[in-house]
Amino acid sequence: MSIAIIIVAIACILIPISRTLNVLLFSMFLSGLTAGILDVGGNTLLVWAHEEKAGPFLNGLHFFFGVGSLIAPLLLAQVLLRTGDIHWLFWTFAIVSIPIAIWLWFLHDPKHASTDERKSSSFPILPVLLVVILFFLYVGLELGFGNWIYTYALTLELGTTITAAYLTSAFWGSFTFGRLVGVWVSTRLRSQTILFIDIIGCAISTIIIMLWKDSNLALWVGTIGLGISMASVFPTFIMLAGERMQITGAITGWFLVGSGAGSMLLPWLIGQIFARTGPKAMTTVLLVDLGILFLVLLLFIARRAEPLPEPAPSVD
């Protein structure tokens, strides 16, 4: 984790001073690669550290993902407005990263199943595959809607460029708020109960947009409802998986492979449907995605949970 943060800092130094496309591509590749490592590491360590009580911490982690997504564009705009120079935004991040990397280096590893126990247990192929599919479907749903709602509103003349931008901000703002609420909810409800509520909320919100497709109010209500309902799905999937199998860095990595594939393919599919049949078919794609996601979730829950090894004893 510490090495990954240092590499991200190096990439942040290189990006604004790149003079050729190849250097910029290499810097962005380093940034994306190490961001994926940090994503896997952060989720895995929280599950190791808190086990069945990881829900609030996972929701808190993903809440701050949303906070960063809201703050970063605002910081970028202010830096450009005040200085006209983007360099210091990247360099400041690089400087701040160094003490965090040092702190992580000296942080003790959380207790978890020993290496020998993990090696001796067989890789749970089918449960992992089901969770990978869940992440694929969910992240495709989230980014498919989040990336296309602006174009959807403009194409159907349900808003101007300004109000469509506000609509997109409302989605991500309600999404971030939902993750904050999820920290509290995850301490009081079981993970599968949270997921069923979220899926129902997503379905109702999508149906509102579909039935009143010419209503600006319905679009806003459905968009905010989708943001709140989607918010806690990702961390709750990880929490549910941690309750039913031993989570390792490799398994978390496979989960994020599924989410990465969904983030590429589902928005692309929605774009193809936009071009061929028009924007109104977007809600149909979302409902089909939700239906498949619900069935896969039922299959995963119906399976017998994998035995969880005891944490390794602490060594003085």
C-alpha atoms as a PDB file:
ATOM      1  CA  MET A   1       0.000   0.000   0.000  1.00  0.00           C
ATOM      2  CA  SER A   2       2.819   2.415   0.893  1.00  0.00           C
ATOM      3  CA  ILE A   3       4.728   1.664  -2.316  1.00  0.00           C
ATOM      4  CA  ALA A   4       1.521   2.120  -4.331  1.00  0.00           C
ATOM      5  CA  ILE A   5       0.927   5.558  -2.790  1.00  0.00           C
ATOM      6  CA  ILE A   6       4.506   6.597  -3.608  1.00  0.00           C
ATOM      7  CA  ILE A   7       4.035   5.484  -7.223  1.00  0.00           C
ATOM      8  CA  VAL A   8       0.777   7.480  -7.404  1.00  0.00           C
ATOM      9  CA  ALA A   9       2.715  10.509  -6.116  1.00  0.00           C
ATOM     10  CA  ILE A  10       5.347  10.018  -8.844  1.00  0.00           C
ATOM     11  CA  ALA A  11       2.592   9.773 -11.464  1.00  0.00           C
ATOM     12  CA  CYS A  12       1.059  13.005 -10.142  1.00  0.00           C
ATOM     13  CA  ILE A  13       4.401  14.739 -10.605  1.00  0.00           C
ATOM     14  CA  LEU A  14       4.765  13.433 -14.158  1.00  0.00           C
ATOM     15  CA  ILE A  15       1.230  14.051 -15.470  1.00  0.00           C
ATOM     16  CA  PRO A  16       1.249  17.892 -15.582  1.00  0.00           C
ATOM     17  CA  ILE A  17       4.795  18.104 -16.984  1.00  0.00           C
ATOM     18  CA  SER A  18       4.386  15.453 -19.690  1.00  0.00           C
ATOM     19  CA  ARG A  19       5.503  16.798 -23.046  1.00  0.00           C
ATOM     20  CA  THR A  20       4.632  13.785 -25.186  1.00  0.00           C
ATOM     21  CA  LEU A  21       1.571  11.572 -25.408  1.00  0.00           C
ATOM     22  CA  ASN A  22       3.615   8.466 -24.572  1.00  0.00           C
ATOM     23  CA  VAL A  23       4.853   9.957 -21.279  1.00  0.00           C
ATOM     24  CA  LEU A  24       1.314  11.050 -20.390  1.00  0.00           C
ATOM     25  CA  LEU A  25      -0.085   7.592 -21.193  1.00  0.00           C
ATOM     26  CA  PHE A  26       2.620   5.940 -19.081  1.00  0.00           C
ATOM     27  CA  SER A  27       1.877   8.293 -16.174  1.00  0.00           C
ATOM     28  CA  MET A  28      -1.862   7.637 -16.407  1.00  0.00           C
ATOM     29  CA  PHE A  29      -1.173   3.881 -16.601  1.00  0.00           C
ATOM     30  CA  LEU A  30       0.881   4.075 -13.383  1.00  0.00           C
ATOM     31  CA  SER A  31      -1.855   6.100 -11.704  1.00  0.00           C
ATOM     32  CA  GLY A  32      -4.634   3.691 -12.707  1.00  0.00           C
ATOM     33  CA  LEU A  33      -2.621   0.572 -11.841  1.00  0.00           C
ATOM     34  CA  THR A  34      -1.689   1.755  -8.364  1.00  0.00           C
ATOM     35  CA  ALA A  35      -5.175   3.146  -7.709  1.00  0.00           C
ATOM     36  CA  GLY A  36      -6.490  -0.360  -8.357  1.00  0.00           C
ATOM     37  CA  ILE A  37      -3.931  -1.786  -5.910  1.00  0.00           C
ATOM     38  CA  LEU A  38      -5.011   0.735  -3.261  1.00  0.00           C
ATOM     39  CA  ASP A  39      -8.659  -0.111  -3.893  1.00  0.00           C
ATOM     40  CA  VAL A  40      -8.018  -3.835  -3.415  1.00  0.00           C
ATOM     41  CA  GLY A  41      -5.778  -3.261  -0.395  1.00  0.00           C
ATOM     42  CA  GLY A  42      -8.106  -0.876   1.406  1.00  0.00           C
ATOM     43  CA  ASN A  43     -11.168  -3.106   1.081  1.00  0.00           C
ATOM     44  CA  THR A  44      -9.246  -6.269   1.989  1.00  0.00           C
ATOM     45  CA  LEU A  45      -7.556  -4.786   5.060  1.00  0.00           C
ATOM     46  CA  LEU A  46     -10.851  -3.477   6.414  1.00  0.00           C
ATOM     47  CA  VAL A  47     -12.443  -6.915   6.079  1.00  0.00           C
ATOM     48  CA  TRP A  48      -9.413  -8.484   7.801  1.00  0.00           C
ATOM     49  CA  ALA A  49      -9.382  -5.904  10.590  1.00  0.00           C
ATOM     50  CA  HIS A  50     -13.113  -5.846  11.411  1.00  0.00           C
ATOM     51  CA  GLU A  51     -14.415  -9.143   9.959  1.00  0.00           C
ATOM     52  CA  GLU A  52     -18.212  -9.423  10.431  1.00  0.00           C
ATOM     53  CA  LYS A  53     -18.306  -5.863  11.825  1.00  0.00           C
ATOM     54  CA  ALA A  54     -16.677  -4.374   8.712  1.00  0.00           C
ATOM     55  CA  GLY A  55     -19.930  -2.939   7.306  1.00  0.00           C
ATOM     56  CA  PRO A  56     -19.741   0.620   8.726  1.00  0.00           C
ATOM     57  CA  PHE A  57     -16.034   0.857   7.912  1.00  0.00           C
ATOM     58  CA  LEU A  58     -16.522  -0.292   4.316  1.00  0.00           C
ATOM     59  CA  ASN A  59     -19.374   2.174   3.882  1.00  0.00           C
ATOM     60  CA  GLY A  60     -17.171   4.879   5.400  1.00  0.00           C
ATOM     61  CA  LEU A  61     -14.358   4.047   2.960  1.00  0.00           C
ATOM     62  CA  HIS A  62     -16.666   4.236  -0.044  1.00  0.00           C
ATOM     63  CA  PHE A  63     -18.307   7.390   1.318  1.00  0.00           C
ATOM     64  CA  PHE A  64     -14.943   9.105   1.111  1.00  0.00           C
ATOM     65  CA  PHE A  65     -14.551   7.884  -2.463  1.00  0.00           C
ATOM     66  CA  GLY A  66     -17.681   9.930  -3.153  1.00  0.00           C
ATOM     67  CA  VAL A  67     -16.365  12.903  -1.167  1.00  0.00           C
ATOM     68  CA  GLY A  68     -13.183  12.860  -3.228  1.00  0.00           C
ATOM     69  CA  SER A  69     -15.165  12.670  -6.470  1.00  0.00           C
ATOM     70  CA  LEU A  70     -17.104  15.779  -5.421  1.00  0.00           C
ATOM     71  CA  ILE A  71     -14.151  17.778  -4.071  1.00  0.00           C
ATOM     72  CA  ALA A  72     -11.530  17.077  -6.764  1.00  0.00           C
ATOM     73  CA  PRO A  73     -13.369  18.858  -9.638  1.00  0.00           C
ATOM     74  CA  LEU A  74     -14.101  21.814  -7.322  1.00  0.00           C
ATOM     75  CA  LEU A  75     -10.431  22.070  -6.362  1.00  0.00           C
ATOM     76  CA  LEU A  76      -9.426  21.820 -10.001  1.00  0.00           C
ATOM     77  CA  ALA A  77     -11.804  24.633 -10.946  1.00  0.00           C
ATOM     78  CA  GLN A  78     -10.559  26.889  -8.128  1.00  0.00           C
ATOM     79  CA  VAL A  79      -6.893  26.272  -8.926  1.00  0.00           C
ATOM     80  CA  LEU A  80      -7.435  27.070 -12.595  1.00  0.00           C
ATOM     81  CA  LEU A  81      -9.548  30.113 -11.743  1.00  0.00           C
ATOM     82  CA  ARG A  82      -7.037  31.585  -9.299  1.00  0.00           C
ATOM     83  CA  THR A  83      -3.712  30.584 -10.838  1.00  0.00           C
ATOM     84  CA  GLY A  84      -4.379  29.407 -14.378  1.00  0.00           C
ATOM     85  CA  ASP A  85      -1.808  26.668 -13.653  1.00  0.00           C
ATOM     86  CA  ILE A  86      -2.858  23.056 -13.086  1.00  0.00           C
ATOM     87  CA  HIS A  87       0.598  21.896 -11.963  1.00  0.00           C
ATOM     88  CA  TRP A  88       0.261  22.657  -8.258  1.00  0.00           C
ATOM     89  CA  LEU A  89      -2.954  20.677  -7.886  1.00  0.00           C
ATOM     90  CA  PHE A  90      -1.055  17.501  -8.818  1.00  0.00           C
ATOM     91  CA  TRP A  91       2.108  18.427  -6.950  1.00  0.00           C
ATOM     92  CA  THR A  92       0.212  19.235  -3.739  1.00  0.00           C
ATOM     93  CA  PHE A  93      -1.389  15.796  -3.858  1.00  0.00           C
ATOM     94  CA  ALA A  94       2.048  14.236  -4.354  1.00  0.00           C
ATOM     95  CA  ILE A  95       3.463  16.106  -1.330  1.00  0.00           C
ATOM     96  CA  VAL A  96       0.511  15.142   0.910  1.00  0.00           C
ATOM     97  CA  SER A  97       0.862  11.491  -0.133  1.00  0.00           C
ATOM     98  CA  ILE A  98       4.346  11.073   1.339  1.00  0.00           C
ATOM     99  CA  PRO A  99       3.473  11.234   5.089  1.00  0.00           C
ATOM    100  CA  ILE A 100       0.482   8.927   4.450  1.00  0.00           C
ATOM    101  CA  ALA A 101       2.780   6.388   2.782  1.00  0.00           C
ATOM    102  CA  ILE A 102       5.200   6.571   5.729  1.00  0.00           C
ATOM    103  CA  TRP A 103       2.356   6.113   8.240  1.00  0.00           C
ATOM    104  CA  LEU A 104       1.021   3.063   6.373  1.00  0.00           C
ATOM    105  CA  TRP A 105       4.513   1.541   6.190  1.00  0.00           C
ATOM    106  CA  PHE A 106       4.771   1.416   9.997  1.00  0.00           C
ATOM    107  CA  LEU A 107       1.138   0.455  10.621  1.00  0.00           C
ATOM    108  CA  HIS A 108       0.734  -3.084  12.009  1.00  0.00           C
ATOM    109  CA  ASP A 109      -1.032  -5.645   9.835  1.00  0.00           C
ATOM    110  CA  PRO A 110      -4.497  -6.618  11.109  1.00  0.00           C
ATOM    111  CA  LYS A 111      -5.048 -10.135  12.435  1.00  0.00           C
ATOM    112  CA  HIS A 112      -6.383 -12.502   9.799  1.00  0.00           C
ATOM    113  CA  ALA A 113      -6.233 -16.118   8.735  1.00  0.00           C
ATOM    114  CA  SER A 114      -2.651 -17.303   8.542  1.00  0.00           C
ATOM    115  CA  THR A 115      -0.905 -17.761   5.218  1.00  0.00           C
ATOM    116  CA  ASP A 116      -0.768 -21.546   5.663  1.00  0.00           C
ATOM    117  CA  GLU A 117      -4.500 -21.711   6.336  1.00  0.00           C
ATOM    118  CA  ARG A 118      -5.264 -19.671   3.220  1.00  0.00           C
ATOM    119  CA  LYS A 119      -2.999 -21.801   1.057  1.00  0.00           C
ATOM    120  CA  SER A 120      -4.472 -25.053   2.326  1.00  0.00           C
ATOM    121  CA  SER A 121      -8.030 -24.043   1.615  1.00  0.00           C
ATOM    122  CA  SER A 122      -9.282 -24.425  -1.945  1.00  0.00           C
ATOM    123  CA  PHE A 123     -10.154 -21.344  -3.966  1.00  0.00           C
ATOM    124  CA  PRO A 124     -13.969 -20.950  -3.844  1.00  0.00           C
ATOM    125  CA  ILE A 125     -14.417 -20.619  -7.608  1.00  0.00           C
ATOM    126  CA  LEU A 126     -18.214 -20.533  -7.893  1.00  0.00           C
ATOM    127  CA  PRO A 127     -18.892 -18.111  -4.983  1.00  0.00           C
ATOM    128  CA  VAL A 128     -16.156 -15.766  -6.234  1.00  0.00           C
ATOM    129  CA  LEU A 129     -17.535 -15.961  -9.783  1.00  0.00           C
ATOM    130  CA  LEU A 130     -21.033 -15.067  -8.566  1.00  0.00           C
ATOM    131  CA  VAL A 131     -19.713 -12.035  -6.658  1.00  0.00           C
ATOM    132  CA  VAL A 132     -17.640 -10.974  -9.691  1.00  0.00           C
ATOM    133  CA  ILE A 133     -20.842 -11.058 -11.777  1.00  0.00           C
ATOM    134  CA  LEU A 134     -22.636  -9.020  -9.100  1.00  0.00           C
ATOM    135  CA  PHE A 135     -19.926  -6.355  -9.224  1.00  0.00           C
ATOM    136  CA  PHE A 136     -19.980  -6.413 -13.027  1.00  0.00           C
ATOM    137  CA  LEU A 137     -23.728  -5.802 -13.123  1.00  0.00           C
ATOM    138  CA  TYR A 138     -23.797  -3.239 -10.314  1.00  0.00           C
ATOM    139  CA  VAL A 139     -20.899  -1.030 -11.447  1.00  0.00           C
ATOM    140  CA  GLY A 140     -22.240  -1.128 -14.993  1.00  0.00           C
ATOM    141  CA  LEU A 141     -25.596   0.035 -13.615  1.00  0.00           C
ATOM    142  CA  GLU A 142     -24.021   2.834 -11.559  1.00  0.00           C
ATOM    143  CA  LEU A 143     -21.722   4.241 -14.247  1.00  0.00           C
ATOM    144  CA  GLY A 144     -24.127   3.512 -17.074  1.00  0.00           C
ATOM    145  CA  PHE A 145     -26.734   5.755 -15.463  1.00  0.00           C
ATOM    146  CA  GLY A 146     -24.291   8.292 -14.030  1.00  0.00           C
ATOM    147  CA  ASN A 147     -22.487   8.765 -17.352  1.00  0.00           C
ATOM    148  CA  TRP A 148     -25.561   8.894 -19.583  1.00  0.00           C
ATOM    149  CA  ILE A 149     -28.173  10.766 -17.556  1.00  0.00           C
ATOM    150  CA  TYR A 150     -26.856  14.115 -18.826  1.00  0.00           C
ATOM    151  CA  THR A 151     -27.293  13.044 -22.474  1.00  0.00           C
ATOM    152  CA  TYR A 152     -30.624  11.387 -21.664  1.00  0.00           C
ATOM    153  CA  ALA A 153     -32.039  14.640 -20.249  1.00  0.00           C
ATOM    154  CA  LEU A 154     -30.778  16.743 -23.162  1.00  0.00           C
ATOM    155  CA  THR A 155     -31.918  14.338 -25.885  1.00  0.00           C
ATOM    156  CA  LEU A 156     -35.463  14.146 -24.489  1.00  0.00           C
ATOM    157  CA  GLU A 157     -35.441  17.947 -23.954  1.00  0.00           C
ATOM    158  CA  LEU A 158     -36.050  17.530 -20.232  1.00  0.00           C
ATOM    159  CA  GLY A 159     -33.495  20.197 -19.406  1.00  0.00           C
ATOM    160  CA  THR A 160     -30.881  22.609 -20.694  1.00  0.00           C
ATOM    161  CA  THR A 161     -27.150  21.986 -20.586  1.00  0.00           C
ATOM    162  CA  ILE A 162     -27.080  23.729 -17.194  1.00  0.00           C
ATOM    163  CA  THR A 163     -29.987  21.839 -15.624  1.00  0.00           C
ATOM    164  CA  ALA A 164     -28.691  18.554 -17.069  1.00  0.00           C
ATOM    165  CA  ALA A 165     -25.358  19.237 -15.381  1.00  0.00           C
ATOM    166  CA  TYR A 166     -27.203  19.960 -12.131  1.00  0.00           C
ATOM    167  CA  LEU A 167     -29.096  16.678 -12.582  1.00  0.00           C
ATOM    168  CA  THR A 168     -25.799  14.798 -12.859  1.00  0.00           C
ATOM    169  CA  SER A 169     -24.521  16.576  -9.747  1.00  0.00           C
ATOM    170  CA  ALA A 170     -27.754  15.675  -7.936  1.00  0.00           C
ATOM    171  CA  PHE A 171     -27.167  12.008  -8.737  1.00  0.00           C
ATOM    172  CA  TRP A 172     -23.606  11.967  -7.413  1.00  0.00           C
ATOM    173  CA  GLY A 173     -24.516  14.203  -4.474  1.00  0.00           C
ATOM    174  CA  SER A 174     -27.369  11.890  -3.409  1.00  0.00           C
ATOM    175  CA  PHE A 175     -25.028   8.950  -4.017  1.00  0.00           C
ATOM    176  CA  THR A 176     -22.464  10.398  -1.589  1.00  0.00           C
ATOM    177  CA  PHE A 177     -25.194  11.202   0.952  1.00  0.00           C
ATOM    178  CA  GLY A 178     -26.491   7.633   0.644  1.00  0.00           C
ATOM    179  CA  ARG A 179     -23.050   6.255   1.477  1.00  0.00           C
ATOM    180  CA  LEU A 180     -22.919   8.426   4.575  1.00  0.00           C
ATOM    181  CA  VAL A 181     -26.324   7.081   5.650  1.00  0.00           C
ATOM    182  CA  GLY A 182     -25.069   3.592   4.824  1.00  0.00           C
ATOM    183  CA  VAL A 183     -22.477   3.838   7.606  1.00  0.00           C
ATOM    184  CA  TRP A 184     -25.333   4.068  10.125  1.00  0.00           C
ATOM    185  CA  VAL A 185     -27.639   1.582   8.378  1.00  0.00           C
ATOM    186  CA  SER A 186     -24.943  -1.114   8.167  1.00  0.00           C
ATOM    187  CA  THR A 187     -24.735  -1.214  11.977  1.00  0.00           C
ATOM    188  CA  ARG A 188     -28.432  -2.058  12.270  1.00  0.00           C
ATOM    189  CA  LEU A 189     -29.390  -4.283   9.323  1.00  0.00           C
ATOM    190  CA  ARG A 190     -27.997  -7.481   7.846  1.00  0.00           C
ATOM    191  CA  SER A 191     -26.079  -7.076   4.618  1.00  0.00           C
ATOM    192  CA  GLN A 192     -28.526  -9.095   2.508  1.00  0.00           C
ATOM    193  CA  THR A 193     -31.454  -7.057   3.899  1.00  0.00           C
ATOM    194  CA  ILE A 194     -29.668  -3.843   2.898  1.00  0.00           C
ATOM    195  CA  LEU A 195     -29.090  -5.215  -0.600  1.00  0.00           C
ATOM    196  CA  PHE A 196     -32.735  -6.227  -1.070  1.00  0.00           C
ATOM    197  CA  ILE A 197     -33.861  -2.735   0.020  1.00  0.00           C
ATOM    198  CA  ASP A 198     -31.327  -1.131  -2.317  1.00  0.00           C
ATOM    199  CA  ILE A 199     -32.401  -3.209  -5.308  1.00  0.00           C
ATOM    200  CA  ILE A 200     -36.080  -2.456  -4.666  1.00  0.00           C
ATOM    201  CA  GLY A 201     -35.253   1.253  -4.378  1.00  0.00           C
ATOM    202  CA  CYS A 202     -33.333   1.150  -7.665  1.00  0.00           C
ATOM    203  CA  ALA A 203     -36.192  -0.666  -9.405  1.00  0.00           C
ATOM    204  CA  ILE A 204     -38.839   1.788  -8.141  1.00  0.00           C
ATOM    205  CA  SER A 205     -36.725   4.796  -9.122  1.00  0.00           C
ATOM    206  CA  THR A 206     -36.096   3.395 -12.616  1.00  0.00           C
ATOM    207  CA  ILE A 207     -39.790   2.601 -13.107  1.00  0.00           C
ATOM    208  CA  ILE A 208     -40.692   6.192 -12.108  1.00  0.00           C
ATOM    209  CA  ILE A 209     -38.397   7.501 -14.858  1.00  0.00           C
ATOM    210  CA  MET A 210     -39.792   4.953 -17.334  1.00  0.00           C
ATOM    211  CA  LEU A 211     -43.517   5.512 -16.669  1.00  0.00           C
ATOM    212  CA  TRP A 212     -43.345   9.312 -16.641  1.00  0.00           C
ATOM    213  CA  LYS A 213     -40.696   9.607 -19.336  1.00  0.00           C
ATOM    214  CA  ASP A 214     -41.791  13.107 -20.365  1.00  0.00           C
ATOM    215  CA  SER A 215     -41.820  14.518 -16.829  1.00  0.00           C
ATOM    216  CA  ASN A 216     -38.902  16.597 -15.617  1.00  0.00           C
ATOM    217  CA  LEU A 217     -40.006  16.092 -11.993  1.00  0.00           C
ATOM    218  CA  ALA A 218     -40.121  12.293 -12.393  1.00  0.00           C
ATOM    219  CA  LEU A 219     -36.608  12.364 -13.850  1.00  0.00           C
ATOM    220  CA  TRP A 220     -35.285  14.301 -10.859  1.00  0.00           C
ATOM    221  CA  VAL A 221     -37.095  12.086  -8.333  1.00  0.00           C
ATOM    222  CA  GLY A 222     -35.896   8.910 -10.028  1.00  0.00           C
ATOM    223  CA  THR A 223     -32.336  10.193 -10.352  1.00  0.00           C
ATOM    224  CA  ILE A 224     -32.044  11.120  -6.676  1.00  0.00           C
ATOM    225  CA  GLY A 225     -33.731   7.847  -5.694  1.00  0.00           C
ATOM    226  CA  LEU A 226     -31.233   5.870  -7.779  1.00  0.00           C
ATOM    227  CA  GLY A 227     -28.313   7.751  -6.240  1.00  0.00           C
ATOM    228  CA  ILE A 228     -29.429   6.990  -2.687  1.00  0.00           C
ATOM    229  CA  SER A 229     -30.386   3.374  -3.469  1.00  0.00           C
ATOM    230  CA  MET A 230     -27.147   2.534  -5.297  1.00  0.00           C
ATOM    231  CA  ALA A 231     -24.885   4.126  -2.719  1.00  0.00           C
ATOM    232  CA  SER A 232     -24.359   1.265  -0.292  1.00  0.00           C
ATOM    233  CA  VAL A 233     -24.463  -1.628  -2.785  1.00  0.00           C
ATOM    234  CA  PHE A 234     -20.723  -1.855  -3.525  1.00  0.00           C
ATOM    235  CA  PRO A 235     -19.459  -1.943   0.090  1.00  0.00           C
ATOM    236  CA  THR A 236     -22.349  -4.209   1.124  1.00  0.00           C
ATOM    237  CA  PHE A 237     -21.390  -6.732  -1.575  1.00  0.00           C
ATOM    238  CA  ILE A 238     -17.912  -6.888  -0.035  1.00  0.00           C
ATOM    239  CA  MET A 239     -19.415  -7.194   3.448  1.00  0.00           C
ATOM    240  CA  LEU A 240     -21.744 -10.014   2.329  1.00  0.00           C
ATOM    241  CA  ALA A 241     -18.875 -11.832   0.617  1.00  0.00           C
ATOM    242  CA  GLY A 242     -16.769 -11.504   3.772  1.00  0.00           C
ATOM    243  CA  GLU A 243     -19.549 -13.115   5.792  1.00  0.00           C
ATOM    244  CA  ARG A 244     -19.698 -16.155   3.513  1.00  0.00           C
ATOM    245  CA  MET A 245     -16.083 -16.797   2.495  1.00  0.00           C
ATOM    246  CA  GLN A 246     -12.511 -15.945   3.477  1.00  0.00           C
ATOM    247  CA  ILE A 247     -11.574 -12.705   1.734  1.00  0.00           C
ATOM    248  CA  THR A 248      -7.981 -12.412   0.504  1.00  0.00           C
ATOM    249  CA  GLY A 249      -6.262  -9.774  -1.585  1.00  0.00           C
ATOM    250  CA  ALA A 250      -6.486 -12.045  -4.634  1.00  0.00           C
ATOM    251  CA  ILE A 251     -10.237 -12.561  -4.179  1.00  0.00           C
ATOM    252  CA  THR A 252     -10.834  -8.836  -3.703  1.00  0.00           C
ATOM    253  CA  GLY A 253      -8.786  -8.280  -6.845  1.00  0.00           C
ATOM    254  CA  TRP A 254     -11.139 -10.548  -8.790  1.00  0.00           C
ATOM    255  CA  PHE A 255     -14.102  -8.602  -7.415  1.00  0.00           C
ATOM    256  CA  LEU A 256     -12.595  -5.395  -8.781  1.00  0.00           C
ATOM    257  CA  VAL A 257     -11.869  -7.051 -12.125  1.00  0.00           C
ATOM    258  CA  GLY A 258     -15.616  -7.607 -12.374  1.00  0.00           C
ATOM    259  CA  SER A 259     -16.352  -4.007 -11.422  1.00  0.00           C
ATOM    260  CA  GLY A 260     -13.806  -2.716 -13.934  1.00  0.00           C
ATOM    261  CA  ALA A 261     -15.293  -4.815 -16.733  1.00  0.00           C
ATOM    262  CA  GLY A 262     -18.778  -3.576 -15.842  1.00  0.00           C
ATOM    263  CA  SER A 263     -17.612   0.040 -15.845  1.00  0.00           C
ATOM    264  CA  MET A 264     -16.422  -0.392 -19.443  1.00  0.00           C
ATOM    265  CA  LEU A 265     -19.019  -2.661 -21.044  1.00  0.00           C
ATOM    266  CA  LEU A 266     -22.395  -1.570 -19.637  1.00  0.00           C
ATOM    267  CA  PRO A 267     -21.990   2.173 -20.395  1.00  0.00           C
ATOM    268  CA  TRP A 268     -20.791   1.185 -23.882  1.00  0.00           C
ATOM    269  CA  LEU A 269     -23.888  -0.987 -24.349  1.00  0.00           C
ATOM    270  CA  ILE A 270     -26.167   1.865 -23.279  1.00  0.00           C
ATOM    271  CA  GLY A 271     -24.389   4.131 -25.778  1.00  0.00           C
ATOM    272  CA  GLN A 272     -24.989   1.627 -28.589  1.00  0.00           C
ATOM    273  CA  ILE A 273     -28.667   1.418 -27.685  1.00  0.00           C
ATOM    274  CA  PHE A 274     -28.867   5.226 -27.565  1.00  0.00           C
ATOM    275  CA  ALA A 275     -27.544   5.393 -31.105  1.00  0.00           C
ATOM    276  CA  ARG A 276     -29.816   2.669 -32.493  1.00  0.00           C
ATOM    277  CA  THR A 277     -33.150   3.059 -30.690  1.00  0.00           C
ATOM    278  CA  GLY A 278     -33.025   6.372 -28.809  1.00  0.00           C
ATOM    279  CA  PRO A 279     -32.575   7.287 -25.129  1.00  0.00           C
ATOM    280  CA  LYS A 280     -35.854   5.887 -23.803  1.00  0.00           C
ATOM    281  CA  ALA A 281     -34.475   2.341 -24.002  1.00  0.00           C
ATOM    282  CA  MET A 282     -31.940   3.206 -21.284  1.00  0.00           C
ATOM    283  CA  THR A 283     -34.438   2.472 -18.512  1.00  0.00           C
ATOM    284  CA  THR A 284     -35.180  -0.928 -20.059  1.00  0.00           C
ATOM    285  CA  VAL A 285     -31.471  -1.799 -19.959  1.00  0.00           C
ATOM    286  CA  LEU A 286     -31.295  -0.689 -16.315  1.00  0.00           C
ATOM    287  CA  LEU A 287     -34.278  -2.845 -15.331  1.00  0.00           C
ATOM    288  CA  VAL A 288     -32.901  -5.910 -17.137  1.00  0.00           C
ATOM    289  CA  ASP A 289     -29.563  -5.358 -15.387  1.00  0.00           C
ATOM    290  CA  LEU A 290     -31.334  -5.103 -12.015  1.00  0.00           C
ATOM    291  CA  GLY A 291     -33.335  -8.256 -12.689  1.00  0.00           C
ATOM    292  CA  ILE A 292     -30.244 -10.309 -13.512  1.00  0.00           C
ATOM    293  CA  LEU A 293     -28.406  -8.833 -10.527  1.00  0.00           C
ATOM    294  CA  PHE A 294     -31.253  -9.863  -8.215  1.00  0.00           C
ATOM    295  CA  LEU A 295     -31.245 -13.447  -9.542  1.00  0.00           C
ATOM    296  CA  VAL A 296     -27.462 -13.777  -9.167  1.00  0.00           C
ATOM    297  CA  LEU A 297     -27.717 -12.393  -5.620  1.00  0.00           C
ATOM    298  CA  LEU A 298     -30.327 -15.025  -4.759  1.00  0.00           C
ATOM    299  CA  LEU A 299     -28.048 -17.747  -6.146  1.00  0.00           C
ATOM    300  CA  PHE A 300     -25.140 -16.507  -4.043  1.00  0.00           C
ATOM    301  CA  ILE A 301     -27.194 -16.292  -0.840  1.00  0.00           C
ATOM    302  CA  ALA A 302     -28.714 -19.744  -1.437  1.00  0.00           C
ATOM    303  CA  ARG A 303     -25.257 -21.347  -1.518  1.00  0.00           C
ATOM    304  CA  ARG A 304     -23.790 -22.793   1.657  1.00  0.00           C
ATOM    305  CA  ALA A 305     -21.324 -20.375   3.210  1.00  0.00           C
ATOM    306  CA  GLU A 306     -17.653 -21.340   2.961  1.00  0.00           C
ATOM    307  CA  PRO A 307     -16.040 -22.207   6.349  1.00  0.00           C
ATOM    308  CA  LEU A 308     -14.084 -19.244   7.709  1.00  0.00           C
ATOM    309  CA  PRO A 309     -10.699 -20.029   9.338  1.00  0.00           C
ATOM    310  CA  GLU A 310      -9.911 -18.660  12.757  1.00  0.00           C
ATOM    311  CA  PRO A 311      -7.669 -15.575  12.909  1.00  0.00           C
ATOM    312  CA  ALA A 312      -3.981 -16.314  13.421  1.00  0.00           C
ATOM    313  CA  PRO A 313      -2.859 -15.911  17.036  1.00  0.00           C
ATOM    314  CA  SER A 314      -1.078 -12.662  17.811  1.00  0.00           C
ATOM    315  CA  VAL A 315       2.694 -12.807  18.204  1.00  0.00           C
ATOM    316  CA  ASP A 316       4.320 -10.666  20.871  1.00  0.00           C
END
